[in-house]
Every structure is written in structure tokens, then in C-alpha cells.
């Protein structure tokens, strides 16, 4: 798909961040010791009690990465991992009982109790 005017490819962002998640990531990026050469990496890796676990960390961009942006917040995804993440929503929970990033992934056939591990 192409934009009609500029003839640039339109790349659909594979994941969505809630406003709370964007605010928390931006807060982390504004910490004094933050390495501005790094981008937020969204990904998956083998492991966890359900087979795969989510990756959400700051990292250097690699050759197989695509960079995306939501609300002036850049993030990177390894192209080979997009299939596992497409349509996922990332949220930030800041309550006393539940604190941290949460993942709502429509591609997961099952998830573990902690919510950070899934199967496809």
C-alpha cells in the first residue's frame, strides 16, 4: 500500500500502546542515565512457562529491525517477530497489587498466570 501523494510505503504499526504505557516509557526515557542511542525494543524470545516470553527493553537498532513511532515514542521490532506481535496492546499498570507492563496479544493461544509468557 502506498500514500497517494508522496508514493512512500505505508507501514502499519504492529502493536499498540495505551496512553499509560506511552507515558511510562517516556518517563523512563527522561531519566538522567538513559542512553539516548537506544530505542525501545518490543519482541519475543523462547522461554517462560508457556513457550515464549515478551521482550520490552531498551536496545540498539539491529539490521533486521523496523523502527516505528507512536506519540513521538520510537520503538523497534525484529522483522521476524512481528507475526507473533501483530495486534498486541501494551499497557502500564501502576497499582499496588499489579505494577508493570501488561500484554494483550490476540495471537496467543494460551498464556501463563503471570501474563508475560504465551503460546501460539
Protein backbone atom coordinates (compact mmCIF):
# COMPACT_ATOMS: atom_id res chain seq x y z
CA UNK A 1 0.00 0.00 0.00
CA UNK A 2 1.29 3.48 -0.82
CA UNK A 3 0.43 7.02 0.15
CA UNK A 4 -1.04 8.64 -2.94
CA UNK A 5 0.82 11.93 -2.68
CA UNK A 6 4.39 11.02 -1.77
CA UNK A 7 4.45 7.43 -3.06
CA UNK A 8 6.03 6.24 0.19
CA UNK A 9 5.17 2.83 1.59
CA UNK A 10 2.63 2.84 4.40
CA UNK A 11 3.77 0.60 7.23
CA UNK A 12 1.09 -0.48 9.68
CA UNK A 13 2.26 -0.38 13.30
CA UNK A 14 2.02 -3.98 14.52
CA UNK A 15 1.49 -3.16 18.21
CA UNK A 16 -0.42 -0.51 20.10
CA UNK A 17 0.49 1.22 23.36
CA UNK A 18 -2.08 2.63 25.74
CA UNK A 19 -1.64 6.20 26.88
CA UNK A 20 -0.44 4.94 30.28
CA UNK A 21 2.22 2.76 28.61
CA UNK A 22 3.45 5.62 26.40
CA UNK A 23 3.68 7.91 29.43
CA UNK A 24 5.69 5.33 31.41
CA UNK A 25 8.12 4.68 28.53
CA UNK A 26 8.63 8.42 28.04
CA UNK A 27 9.23 8.79 31.79
CA UNK A 28 11.94 6.11 31.60
CA UNK A 29 13.48 7.82 28.57
CA UNK A 30 13.71 11.08 30.53
CA UNK A 31 15.75 9.52 33.34
CA UNK A 32 19.19 11.20 33.68
CA UNK A 33 21.12 7.98 32.99
CA UNK A 34 19.11 6.99 29.88
CA UNK A 35 21.24 6.11 26.82
CA UNK A 36 19.58 8.14 24.04
CA UNK A 37 21.21 5.96 21.35
CA UNK A 38 18.85 3.12 22.35
CA UNK A 39 15.26 2.54 21.29
CA UNK A 40 12.50 0.61 22.99
CA UNK A 41 12.60 -2.98 21.73
CA UNK A 42 9.33 -4.91 21.58
CA UNK A 43 9.80 -8.59 20.87
CA UNK A 44 9.56 -12.21 21.91
CA UNK A 45 12.01 -14.92 22.86
CA UNK A 46 11.78 -18.60 23.66
CA UNK A 47 11.19 -19.47 27.28
CA UNK A 48 8.73 -18.98 30.06
CA UNK A 49 6.16 -21.49 31.24
CA UNK A 50 4.06 -21.23 28.05
CA UNK A 51 6.84 -21.39 25.45
CA UNK A 52 7.51 -17.75 24.53
CA UNK A 53 8.02 -14.65 26.62
CA UNK A 54 7.76 -10.96 25.79
CA UNK A 55 10.75 -8.66 25.45
CA UNK A 56 10.35 -5.00 26.38
CA UNK A 57 13.71 -3.30 26.85
CA UNK A 58 15.91 -0.54 25.52
CA UNK A 59 18.37 -1.76 22.90
CA UNK A 60 20.43 -0.71 19.88
CA UNK A 61 18.75 -0.98 16.50
CA UNK A 62 19.89 -4.03 14.52
CA UNK A 63 19.92 -4.82 10.81
CA UNK A 64 16.67 -6.84 10.81
CA UNK A 65 14.72 -4.24 12.84
CA UNK A 66 11.99 -1.91 11.69
CA UNK A 67 11.53 1.33 13.59
CA UNK A 68 8.02 2.54 14.39
CA UNK A 69 6.70 5.55 16.26
CA UNK A 70 3.61 6.18 18.39
CA UNK A 71 3.04 9.58 20.02
CA UNK A 72 6.65 10.66 19.35
CA UNK A 73 7.88 7.48 21.04
CA UNK A 74 10.14 5.40 18.76
CA UNK A 75 10.33 1.64 19.16
CA UNK A 76 11.88 -1.24 17.23
CA UNK A 77 10.70 -4.74 16.34
CA UNK A 78 12.74 -7.51 14.73
CA UNK A 79 11.01 -8.23 11.41
CA UNK A 80 10.93 -11.97 12.09
CA UNK A 81 8.98 -11.43 15.34
CA UNK A 82 6.19 -9.18 14.00
CA UNK A 83 3.96 -12.17 13.23
CA UNK A 84 3.76 -13.00 16.97
CA UNK A 85 3.04 -9.40 17.97
CA UNK A 86 0.63 -8.10 15.34
CA UNK A 87 -2.43 -6.59 17.00
CA UNK A 88 -0.98 -6.71 20.52
CA UNK A 89 -1.73 -3.97 23.04
CA UNK A 90 0.81 -2.96 25.68
CA UNK A 91 -0.47 -1.28 28.84
CA UNK A 92 1.08 0.04 32.05
CA UNK A 93 -0.48 -0.88 35.39
CA UNK A 94 0.64 1.33 38.24
CA UNK A 95 -1.47 -0.01 41.11
CA UNK A 96 -0.33 -1.51 44.38
CA UNK A 97 -1.44 -5.06 43.51
CA UNK A 98 -0.35 -5.03 39.88
CA UNK A 99 2.57 -2.90 38.73
CA UNK A 100 4.30 -3.14 35.37
CA UNK A 101 3.67 -3.54 31.68
CA UNK A 102 0.91 -5.90 30.60
CA UNK A 103 0.42 -7.53 27.19
CA UNK A 104 -2.88 -8.29 25.49
CA UNK A 105 -1.95 -10.44 22.50
CA UNK A 106 -4.71 -11.76 20.19
CA UNK A 107 -2.20 -14.22 18.66
CA UNK A 108 -1.66 -16.08 21.93
CA UNK A 109 -3.49 -19.41 22.10
CA UNK A 110 -2.73 -19.58 25.84
CA UNK A 111 -0.94 -17.50 28.46
CA UNK A 112 0.56 -18.21 31.84
CA UNK A 113 -0.73 -16.81 35.10
CA UNK A 114 1.82 -14.00 35.24
CA UNK A 115 0.87 -12.72 31.75
CA UNK A 116 4.42 -12.48 30.40
CA UNK A 117 4.57 -15.92 28.77
CA UNK A 118 2.40 -17.24 25.96
CA UNK A 119 1.95 -19.96 23.35
CA UNK A 120 0.88 -19.60 19.72
